[in-house]
Amino acid sequence: MTPTPQQDYVNTEVSLQPWYMGDLERAESEAKLRGTPNGTFLVRYSKNRHSYVISIR
């Protein structure tokens, strides 16, 4: 079965996802998650680590 564009998450551009925040400092990500329900997450790019980081509330 060929996946539809909505199902093909592996080949989806990360920057187009609503949970991707781009180049964001840790303090900024903590502020964005403050007051959100447990389990809320975002993905950001860390300049210090030169990699993606997931932040979870």
Protein backbone atom coordinates (compact mmCIF):
# COMPACT_ATOMS: atom_id res chain seq x y z
CA MET A 1 0.00 0.00 0.00
CA THR A 2 1.41 3.38 -1.00
CA PRO A 3 1.09 5.99 1.76
CA THR A 4 -0.84 9.15 1.06
CA PRO A 5 0.95 12.48 1.64
CA GLN A 6 -0.82 12.80 5.02
CA GLN A 7 0.47 9.36 6.10
CA ASP A 8 4.06 9.70 4.88
CA TYR A 9 5.54 11.25 8.04
CA VAL A 10 9.04 9.88 7.40
CA ASN A 11 9.49 12.04 4.31
CA THR A 12 7.70 15.10 5.65
CA GLU A 13 9.66 18.34 5.88
CA VAL A 14 10.27 18.97 9.59
CA SER A 15 10.12 22.74 9.26
CA LEU A 16 6.52 22.50 8.02
CA GLN A 17 5.26 20.76 11.15
CA PRO A 18 3.29 22.77 13.73
CA TRP A 19 5.40 21.34 16.58
CA TYR A 20 8.71 22.50 15.04
CA MET A 21 9.90 25.82 16.46
CA GLY A 22 13.17 26.21 14.58
CA ASP A 23 16.15 27.86 16.25
CA LEU A 24 14.84 28.41 19.77
CA GLU A 25 16.66 28.82 23.07
CA ARG A 26 15.86 26.44 25.92
CA ALA A 27 14.34 29.19 28.07
CA GLU A 28 12.06 30.20 25.19
CA SER A 29 10.88 26.62 24.73
CA GLU A 30 10.16 26.33 28.46
CA ALA A 31 8.13 29.55 28.29
CA LYS A 32 6.12 28.29 25.30
CA LEU A 33 5.29 25.05 27.12
CA ARG A 34 4.42 26.70 30.42
CA GLY A 35 0.71 26.32 31.16
CA THR A 36 0.13 23.72 28.44
CA PRO A 37 -1.28 20.24 29.20
CA ASN A 38 1.12 17.46 30.26
CA GLY A 39 2.43 15.64 27.21
CA THR A 40 2.61 18.78 25.06
CA PHE A 41 5.87 18.90 23.14
CA LEU A 42 7.85 20.89 20.65
CA VAL A 43 10.97 20.24 18.62
CA ARG A 44 13.62 22.89 18.25
CA TYR A 45 17.10 23.18 16.82
CA SER A 46 19.88 23.60 19.38
CA LYS A 47 22.87 25.68 18.25
CA ASN A 48 24.87 24.36 21.23
CA ARG A 49 24.32 20.71 20.35
CA HIS A 50 24.00 21.21 16.59
CA SER A 51 21.01 18.87 16.60
CA TYR A 52 17.28 18.67 17.12
CA VAL A 53 15.97 18.67 20.70
CA ILE A 54 12.53 17.65 21.92
CA SER A 55 11.05 19.58 24.83
CA ILE A 56 8.14 17.97 26.67
CA ARG A 57 5.83 19.38 29.33
